[in-house]
Amino acid sequence: MDAIDLKAKSAAHPTTTTAGEPFLLTPGPLTTSRRTKEAMLRDWGSWDGDFNAVTAEIRRKLVAMTGGGEAYDCVPLQGSGTYAVEAMLSSFLPRDGKTLVLMNGAYGQRAARTLDYLGRAYVPLDKGDYLPPLPEEVDGLLEADPDITDVFVVHCETSSGILNPLQGISDVVHRRGRRLIVDAMSAFGAVPLTVDEVPYEAMVSSANKCIEGVPGFGFVIARREALAGAEGRSHSLSLDVHDQWAYMKRTGQWRFTPPTHTVVAFHEALLQHEEEGGVPGRLARYARNKDVLVDGMRAMGFETLLDDAWLSPIIVTFFCPADPSFAFRRFYDEIKARGFIIYPGKLTEVESFRIGCIGQVDEGVIRDLLDAVREALRAMGVQECGPSRD
């Protein structure tokens, strides 16, 4: 795995993975290693002791990654990342509480929509597509509204690629005596997030992001006291984090049928994560991918949505060229034909597209992508890559 295999793969197969599939340059699902894929070739009994041991080790390793010790525990939950976010919100936000929801993209907005469904009170701070919520803004809102009990923040908002100033926000939240709820879906495992620096009440992430597993489950890492206090709070049996936690503590098993193949693949991905050097090693590779990508795209004339200070090593948003020959659908198809799948934009006001830096790819793969972009632009007859100035 890791750098040696990645470089060999890039040299031998410049536009495809070893399986002959395109590279997924997205925020997840993403390109996984052969070892992770091969881990799914065995069938597992969902209540068998061997499978329960895999689940237990995953939970231990994830808590250790946060530095949570005995004060925190990990609860995996079947379903997509959004399922896990809803489970976290319904289980840890009190029904009579009030949450400050920090938004600067689709996932903060989705959290607010979830709270609408749940009937939980909240106050939004919406910064639009370009800017992060700043600690001083959060501080002012908390001072002005003593009824706010919790603050929700997305660590990396992948609709734009912005990396929000989580530690500064955390410092304010705890100085004001409120609780912090973190959506670390797309950043956990690559961007440092430890409870000594950011003592969150609960945090959520997913198997198919920076750990480089496959889709099928998410997980909540939370204070044990908060888990115990969440009893009876959820609106849903399936999404009840406390009930899943209590059942796992009692039996070592998942309450309902687990995604067995996804779980063992994630366990294998965790081992590879450790071999790469854990969070620092993964961050170094992703950051290098981002630097090579941004430098190469800017050299062609593309512009990033965000200033350098807010660019994350997870995914980068680029403005679509104003050149009349450019059409994203054609661009996407040209890139895919050359072995790469990118992501459409998710902004409200401007045309854009996104390219992920995560998954089992290295800078050699990114350089191959840049070659594919150049070829696609030539095929389309695009002369200028700058955005509209209107």
Protein backbone atom coordinates (compact mmCIF):
# COMPACT_ATOMS: atom_id res chain seq x y z
CA MET A 1 0.00 0.00 0.00
CA ASP A 2 0.90 3.62 0.46
CA ALA A 3 3.51 5.61 -1.44
CA ILE A 4 5.41 2.72 -3.08
CA ASP A 5 2.31 1.04 -4.48
CA LEU A 6 0.76 4.36 -5.42
CA LYS A 7 3.77 5.45 -7.45
CA ALA A 8 4.01 2.08 -9.15
CA LYS A 9 0.33 2.27 -9.97
CA SER A 10 0.66 5.77 -11.38
CA ALA A 11 3.64 4.83 -13.54
CA ALA A 12 2.14 1.60 -14.86
CA HIS A 13 -1.45 2.77 -15.21
CA PRO A 14 -1.43 6.56 -15.57
CA THR A 15 -5.20 6.91 -15.95
CA THR A 16 -6.71 3.92 -14.13
CA THR A 17 -6.52 2.10 -10.83
CA THR A 18 -5.07 -1.39 -10.64
CA ALA A 19 -8.59 -2.71 -11.16
CA GLY A 20 -8.90 -0.78 -14.42
CA GLU A 21 -11.40 1.61 -12.88
CA PRO A 22 -11.24 5.41 -12.92
CA PHE A 23 -9.82 7.25 -9.95
CA LEU A 24 -12.57 8.78 -7.79
CA LEU A 25 -11.43 12.32 -7.05
CA THR A 26 -14.44 13.05 -4.88
CA PRO A 27 -15.12 13.62 -1.17
CA GLY A 28 -16.20 9.97 -0.81
CA PRO A 29 -16.85 7.32 -1.86
CA LEU A 30 -13.26 7.36 -2.99
CA THR A 31 -10.55 5.18 -4.50
CA THR A 32 -9.58 2.40 -2.10
CA SER A 33 -6.53 0.14 -1.97
CA ARG A 34 -6.41 -3.42 -3.25
CA ARG A 35 -5.95 -4.61 0.34
CA THR A 36 -9.15 -2.88 1.40
CA LYS A 37 -11.06 -4.41 -1.51
CA GLU A 38 -9.68 -7.88 -0.84
CA ALA A 39 -10.79 -7.70 2.79
CA MET A 40 -14.38 -7.93 1.52
CA LEU A 41 -13.88 -11.33 -0.15
CA ARG A 42 -14.73 -13.26 3.03
CA ASP A 43 -18.22 -13.66 4.49
CA TRP A 44 -18.72 -13.03 8.22
CA GLY A 45 -21.41 -14.01 10.70
CA SER A 46 -22.86 -10.85 12.14
CA TRP A 47 -23.10 -12.28 15.67
CA ASP A 48 -19.94 -14.38 15.49
CA GLY A 49 -17.20 -13.75 18.03
CA ASP A 50 -14.57 -13.09 15.36
CA PHE A 51 -16.67 -10.35 13.81
CA ASN A 52 -17.48 -8.86 17.22
CA ALA A 53 -13.74 -8.70 17.91
CA VAL A 54 -13.24 -6.72 14.68
CA THR A 55 -15.96 -4.26 15.74
CA ALA A 56 -14.42 -3.89 19.20
CA GLU A 57 -10.97 -3.20 17.78
CA ILE A 58 -12.34 -0.59 15.37
CA ARG A 59 -14.02 1.20 18.26
CA ARG A 60 -10.83 1.15 20.33
CA LYS A 61 -8.68 2.42 17.49
CA LEU A 62 -11.02 5.29 16.66
CA VAL A 63 -11.21 6.48 20.26
CA ALA A 64 -7.42 6.26 20.47
CA MET A 65 -7.14 8.43 17.34
CA THR A 66 -9.00 11.18 19.21
CA GLY A 67 -7.00 10.79 22.43
CA GLY A 68 -10.31 10.15 24.16
CA GLY A 69 -9.10 7.56 26.68
CA GLU A 70 -11.70 6.20 29.06
CA ALA A 71 -13.80 9.37 28.94
CA TYR A 72 -15.00 8.77 25.35
CA ASP A 73 -16.47 5.87 23.43
CA CYS A 74 -17.22 5.08 19.80
CA VAL A 75 -20.59 3.94 18.47
CA PRO A 76 -20.76 2.71 14.84
CA LEU A 77 -24.10 3.00 13.06
CA GLN A 78 -25.37 1.41 9.85
CA GLY A 79 -26.13 3.75 6.94
CA SER A 80 -24.69 6.74 5.14
CA GLY A 81 -22.94 9.68 6.72
CA THR A 82 -26.17 11.68 6.77
CA TYR A 83 -27.83 8.87 8.74
CA ALA A 84 -25.07 9.15 11.33
CA VAL A 85 -25.35 12.95 11.48
CA GLU A 86 -29.08 12.73 12.10
CA ALA A 87 -28.47 10.07 14.74
CA MET A 88 -25.97 12.32 16.50
CA LEU A 89 -28.20 15.40 16.39
CA SER A 90 -31.27 13.58 17.66
CA SER A 91 -29.39 11.77 20.40
CA PHE A 92 -27.21 14.54 21.81
CA LEU A 93 -29.24 17.72 21.37
CA PRO A 94 -31.79 18.01 24.18
CA ARG A 95 -35.39 18.36 23.06
CA ASP A 96 -35.77 21.51 25.14
CA GLY A 97 -32.40 22.94 24.08
CA LYS A 98 -31.44 25.47 21.44
CA THR A 99 -28.59 24.98 18.97
CA LEU A 100 -26.46 27.52 17.15
CA VAL A 101 -25.98 25.98 13.70
CA LEU A 102 -22.92 27.31 11.88
CA MET A 103 -23.39 27.13 8.10
CA ASN A 104 -21.22 27.85 5.10
CA GLY A 105 -22.41 25.26 2.67
CA ALA A 106 -24.73 22.36 2.00
CA TYR A 107 -23.90 20.28 5.06
CA GLY A 108 -24.53 22.99 7.62
CA GLN A 109 -27.79 23.66 5.80
CA ARG A 110 -28.62 19.95 5.88
CA ALA A 111 -28.09 19.92 9.65
CA ALA A 112 -30.57 22.77 10.00
CA ARG A 113 -33.07 20.93 7.82
CA THR A 114 -32.61 17.86 10.01
CA LEU A 115 -33.41 19.93 13.09
CA ASP A 116 -36.54 21.16 11.34
CA TYR A 117 -37.63 17.54 10.94
CA LEU A 118 -36.73 16.82 14.56
CA GLY A 119 -38.57 19.86 15.85
CA ARG A 120 -35.51 21.12 17.72
CA ALA A 121 -34.98 24.84 18.20
CA TYR A 122 -31.95 26.41 16.53
CA VAL A 123 -30.39 29.70 15.48
CA PRO A 124 -28.54 29.79 12.14
CA LEU A 125 -25.35 31.66 11.32
CA ASP A 126 -25.10 31.36 7.54
CA LYS A 127 -21.85 32.69 6.01
CA GLY A 128 -22.71 31.74 2.43
CA ASP A 129 -20.32 29.81 0.19
CA TYR A 130 -17.04 31.65 0.64
CA LEU A 131 -16.34 32.42 4.29
CA PRO A 132 -15.92 30.54 7.58
CA PRO A 133 -17.83 31.28 10.77
CA LEU A 134 -15.34 33.17 12.91
CA PRO A 135 -14.84 32.58 16.64
CA GLU A 136 -15.63 36.19 17.47
CA GLU A 137 -18.97 35.92 15.64
CA VAL A 138 -19.82 32.79 17.60
CA ASP A 139 -18.80 34.49 20.82
CA GLY A 140 -21.11 37.43 20.12
CA LEU A 141 -24.09 35.18 19.39
CA LEU A 142 -23.54 33.12 22.53
CA GLU A 143 -23.25 36.25 24.65
CA ALA A 144 -26.44 37.68 23.16
CA ASP A 145 -28.53 34.51 23.56
CA PRO A 146 -28.13 32.66 26.88
CA ASP A 147 -30.76 30.11 25.77
CA ILE A 148 -28.31 28.54 23.31
CA THR A 149 -27.19 25.24 24.81
CA ASP A 150 -25.18 23.70 21.95
CA VAL A 151 -23.16 24.71 18.91
CA PHE A 152 -22.99 22.62 15.73
CA VAL A 153 -20.12 23.06 13.27
CA VAL A 154 -18.90 21.25 10.15
CA HIS A 155 -15.11 20.82 10.33
CA CYS A 156 -14.57 20.65 6.55
CA GLU A 157 -17.48 21.90 4.45
CA THR A 158 -16.97 19.92 1.25
CA SER A 159 -19.53 21.83 -0.81
CA SER A 160 -16.79 24.48 -1.06
CA GLY A 161 -13.75 22.71 0.40
CA ILE A 162 -13.42 25.20 3.24
CA LEU A 163 -11.68 24.14 6.44
CA ASN A 164 -13.44 25.90 9.29
CA PRO A 165 -11.49 27.28 12.31
CA LEU A 166 -12.65 24.54 14.64
CA GLN A 167 -10.27 25.06 17.54
CA GLY A 168 -11.03 28.78 17.81
CA ILE A 169 -14.75 28.04 17.75
CA SER A 170 -14.27 25.30 20.34
CA ASP A 171 -12.38 27.66 22.66
CA VAL A 172 -15.24 30.16 22.54
CA VAL A 173 -17.94 27.52 23.04
CA HIS A 174 -16.31 26.11 26.13
CA ARG A 175 -15.42 29.49 27.59
CA ARG A 176 -19.13 30.29 27.34
CA GLY A 177 -20.09 27.00 29.00
CA ARG A 178 -21.91 25.51 25.99
CA ARG A 179 -21.59 22.10 24.33
CA LEU A 180 -19.89 21.48 20.97
CA ILE A 181 -21.25 19.05 18.35
CA VAL A 182 -18.93 18.42 15.38
CA ASP A 183 -19.57 17.06 11.90
CA ALA A 184 -16.07 15.80 11.06
CA MET A 185 -17.40 13.65 8.25
CA SER A 186 -14.84 14.57 5.59
CA ALA A 187 -11.84 15.55 7.72
CA PHE A 188 -11.47 12.97 10.49
CA GLY A 189 -8.44 10.77 10.01
CA ALA A 190 -6.48 13.39 8.04
CA VAL A 191 -6.98 16.72 9.83
CA PRO A 192 -6.02 16.53 13.53
CA LEU A 193 -8.99 16.45 15.91
CA THR A 194 -8.18 15.46 19.48
CA VAL A 195 -10.28 15.99 22.57
CA ASP A 196 -7.51 17.72 24.49
CA GLU A 197 -7.67 20.60 21.99
CA VAL A 198 -11.32 20.33 20.90
CA PRO A 199 -13.32 18.74 23.76
CA TYR A 200 -16.51 18.03 21.86
CA GLU A 201 -19.64 16.48 23.29
CA ALA A 202 -20.00 14.31 20.18
CA MET A 203 -18.36 14.01 16.77
CA VAL A 204 -19.46 12.12 13.68
CA SER A 205 -17.59 10.71 10.70
CA SER A 206 -17.94 7.93 8.13
CA ALA A 207 -16.15 4.83 6.88
CA ASN A 208 -15.65 6.06 3.32
CA LYS A 209 -13.73 9.26 3.90
CA CYS A 210 -10.18 9.89 5.12
CA ILE A 211 -9.76 6.42 6.64
CA GLU A 212 -10.28 5.21 3.04
CA GLY A 213 -12.86 2.51 3.68
CA VAL A 214 -15.99 1.83 1.67
CA PRO A 215 -19.54 3.15 2.25
CA GLY A 216 -21.90 1.42 4.64
CA PHE A 217 -21.62 2.88 8.13
CA GLY A 218 -20.77 5.97 10.09
CA PHE A 219 -19.61 6.38 13.66
CA VAL A 220 -20.14 8.75 16.55
CA ILE A 221 -17.40 9.40 19.10
CA ALA A 222 -18.80 10.98 22.25
CA ARG A 223 -18.21 11.50 25.93
CA ARG A 224 -19.42 8.50 27.91
CA GLU A 225 -21.37 10.84 30.17
CA ALA A 226 -23.12 12.30 27.13
CA LEU A 227 -23.89 8.82 25.81
CA ALA A 228 -25.43 7.84 29.12
CA GLY A 229 -27.44 11.07 29.18
CA ALA A 230 -28.84 10.47 25.68
CA GLU A 231 -31.15 7.67 26.81
CA GLY A 232 -34.69 8.15 25.53
CA ARG A 233 -33.87 11.29 23.56
CA SER A 234 -33.80 9.99 19.97
CA HIS A 235 -36.86 10.20 17.72
CA SER A 236 -35.88 6.94 15.99
CA LEU A 237 -35.22 3.36 16.99
CA SER A 238 -32.75 2.75 14.16
CA LEU A 239 -30.85 6.00 14.78
CA ASP A 240 -30.76 5.84 18.59
CA VAL A 241 -27.06 6.22 19.45
CA HIS A 242 -27.63 5.48 23.14
CA ASP A 243 -29.49 2.26 22.41
CA GLN A 244 -26.79 1.08 19.99
CA TRP A 245 -24.10 1.94 22.55
CA ALA A 246 -25.88 0.20 25.43
CA TYR A 247 -26.48 -2.92 23.34
CA MET A 248 -22.86 -3.06 22.20
CA LYS A 249 -21.64 -2.64 25.77
CA ARG A 250 -23.88 -5.47 26.90
CA THR A 251 -23.39 -7.95 24.05
CA GLY A 252 -20.47 -6.81 21.88
CA GLN A 253 -22.85 -6.96 18.91
CA TRP A 254 -24.66 -4.53 16.64
CA ARG A 255 -28.39 -4.25 17.39
CA PHE A 256 -29.44 -4.91 13.81
CA THR A 257 -27.71 -6.53 10.81
CA PRO A 258 -24.34 -4.80 10.35
CA PRO A 259 -22.67 -4.15 6.98
CA THR A 260 -20.17 -6.93 7.66
CA HIS A 261 -18.04 -6.58 4.54
CA THR A 262 -17.82 -2.81 4.97
CA VAL A 263 -16.78 -3.23 8.61
CA VAL A 264 -13.93 -5.63 7.91
CA ALA A 265 -12.79 -3.48 4.97
CA PHE A 266 -12.70 -0.49 7.32
CA HIS A 267 -10.64 -2.48 9.81
CA GLU A 268 -8.12 -3.22 7.06
CA ALA A 269 -8.14 0.45 6.04
CA LEU A 270 -7.40 1.44 9.64
CA LEU A 271 -4.33 -0.81 9.63
CA GLN A 272 -3.10 0.89 6.46
CA HIS A 273 -3.81 4.28 8.03
CA GLU A 274 -1.47 3.35 10.89
CA GLU A 275 1.19 2.09 8.48
CA GLU A 276 1.15 5.45 6.68
CA GLY A 277 1.88 7.24 9.94
CA GLY A 278 -1.63 7.84 11.23
CA VAL A 279 -3.19 11.28 10.96
CA PRO A 280 0.11 13.14 10.29
CA GLY A 281 1.08 10.75 7.51
CA ARG A 282 -2.30 10.89 5.84
CA LEU A 283 -2.43 14.67 6.14
CA ALA A 284 1.01 15.00 4.52
CA ARG A 285 -0.06 13.02 1.44
CA TYR A 286 -3.38 14.81 1.05
CA ALA A 287 -1.77 18.22 1.55
CA ARG A 288 0.78 17.43 -1.16
CA ASN A 289 -2.03 16.31 -3.47
CA LYS A 290 -3.81 19.61 -2.85
CA ASP A 291 -0.70 21.70 -3.48
CA VAL A 292 0.10 19.95 -6.76
CA LEU A 293 -3.54 20.19 -7.86
CA VAL A 294 -3.98 23.88 -7.06
CA ASP A 295 -0.64 24.89 -8.56
CA GLY A 296 -1.33 22.95 -11.74
CA MET A 297 -4.89 24.22 -12.21
CA ARG A 298 -3.91 27.82 -11.53
CA ALA A 299 -1.10 27.50 -14.08
CA MET A 300 -3.81 26.69 -16.65
CA GLY A 301 -5.79 29.77 -15.63
CA PHE A 302 -8.39 28.20 -13.32
CA GLU A 303 -9.28 30.07 -10.13
CA THR A 304 -10.14 28.56 -6.78
CA LEU A 305 -13.30 29.57 -4.98
CA LEU A 306 -11.43 30.07 -1.72
CA ASP A 307 -8.40 32.05 -0.65
CA ASP A 308 -5.38 29.96 0.28
CA ALA A 309 -6.00 30.49 4.01
CA TRP A 310 -9.23 28.48 3.84
CA LEU A 311 -8.30 25.75 1.34
CA SER A 312 -8.56 22.29 2.85
CA PRO A 313 -6.49 19.21 1.95
CA ILE A 314 -9.77 17.35 1.37
CA ILE A 315 -11.38 18.85 -1.76
CA VAL A 316 -10.91 22.00 -3.82
CA THR A 317 -13.61 23.99 -5.62
CA PHE A 318 -12.74 25.69 -8.90
CA PHE A 319 -14.80 28.25 -10.83
CA CYS A 320 -15.98 27.03 -14.21
CA PRO A 321 -14.33 28.90 -17.11
CA ALA A 322 -16.37 31.65 -18.74
CA ASP A 323 -15.09 30.54 -22.16
CA PRO A 324 -18.18 29.81 -24.31
CA SER A 325 -16.67 26.48 -25.38
CA PHE A 326 -16.70 25.21 -21.81
CA ALA A 327 -19.60 23.05 -20.61
CA PHE A 328 -19.20 21.11 -17.40
CA ARG A 329 -21.02 18.00 -18.63
CA ARG A 330 -18.68 17.71 -21.61
CA PHE A 331 -15.67 18.48 -19.40
CA TYR A 332 -16.74 15.79 -16.95
CA ASP A 333 -17.14 13.22 -19.73
CA GLU A 334 -13.77 14.08 -21.26
CA ILE A 335 -12.07 13.71 -17.87
CA LYS A 336 -13.87 10.44 -17.17
CA ALA A 337 -12.82 9.05 -20.55
CA ARG A 338 -9.24 9.64 -19.43
CA GLY A 339 -9.71 7.75 -16.17
CA PHE A 340 -10.82 10.28 -13.56
CA ILE A 341 -14.17 11.07 -11.93
CA ILE A 342 -14.54 14.55 -10.47
CA TYR A 343 -17.48 16.22 -8.75
CA PRO A 344 -19.94 18.90 -9.89
CA GLY A 345 -20.16 22.09 -7.89
CA LYS A 346 -22.55 22.53 -5.00
CA LEU A 347 -22.66 26.29 -4.71
CA THR A 348 -25.75 28.46 -4.76
CA GLU A 349 -24.65 31.39 -6.91
CA VAL A 350 -21.78 30.47 -9.27
CA GLU A 351 -20.89 27.63 -11.64
CA SER A 352 -18.14 25.48 -10.23
CA PHE A 353 -16.71 21.99 -9.97
CA ARG A 354 -14.79 20.14 -7.28
CA ILE A 355 -11.75 17.86 -7.28
CA GLY A 356 -10.99 15.69 -4.28
CA CYS A 357 -7.51 15.20 -2.83
CA ILE A 358 -8.36 12.18 -0.67
CA GLY A 359 -8.46 8.45 -1.25
CA GLN A 360 -5.78 6.07 -2.41
CA VAL A 361 -4.06 8.58 -4.70
CA ASP A 362 -0.77 10.44 -4.57
CA GLU A 363 0.77 13.40 -6.37
CA GLY A 364 1.66 11.23 -9.37
CA VAL A 365 -2.04 10.53 -9.89
CA ILE A 366 -2.79 14.25 -9.53
CA ARG A 367 -0.20 15.07 -12.19
CA ASP A 368 -1.84 12.54 -14.49
CA LEU A 369 -5.17 14.25 -13.81
CA LEU A 370 -3.68 17.62 -14.76
CA ASP A 371 -2.57 16.12 -18.07
CA ALA A 372 -6.14 14.84 -18.58
CA VAL A 373 -7.54 18.32 -17.87
CA ARG A 374 -5.24 19.85 -20.48
CA GLU A 375 -6.28 17.25 -23.03
CA ALA A 376 -9.97 17.79 -22.22
CA LEU A 377 -9.65 21.55 -22.69
CA ARG A 378 -7.95 21.06 -26.05
CA ALA A 379 -10.66 18.64 -27.16
CA MET A 380 -13.35 21.17 -26.19
CA GLY A 381 -11.57 24.13 -27.76
CA VAL A 382 -11.40 26.06 -24.48
CA GLN A 383 -8.90 28.94 -24.74
CA GLU A 384 -9.39 30.76 -21.42
CA CYS A 385 -9.99 29.12 -18.04
CA GLY A 386 -10.78 32.20 -15.97
CA PRO A 387 -14.30 32.66 -14.55
CA SER A 388 -16.87 35.23 -15.46
CA ARG A 389 -16.24 38.66 -13.87
CA ASP A 390 -19.94 39.60 -13.78
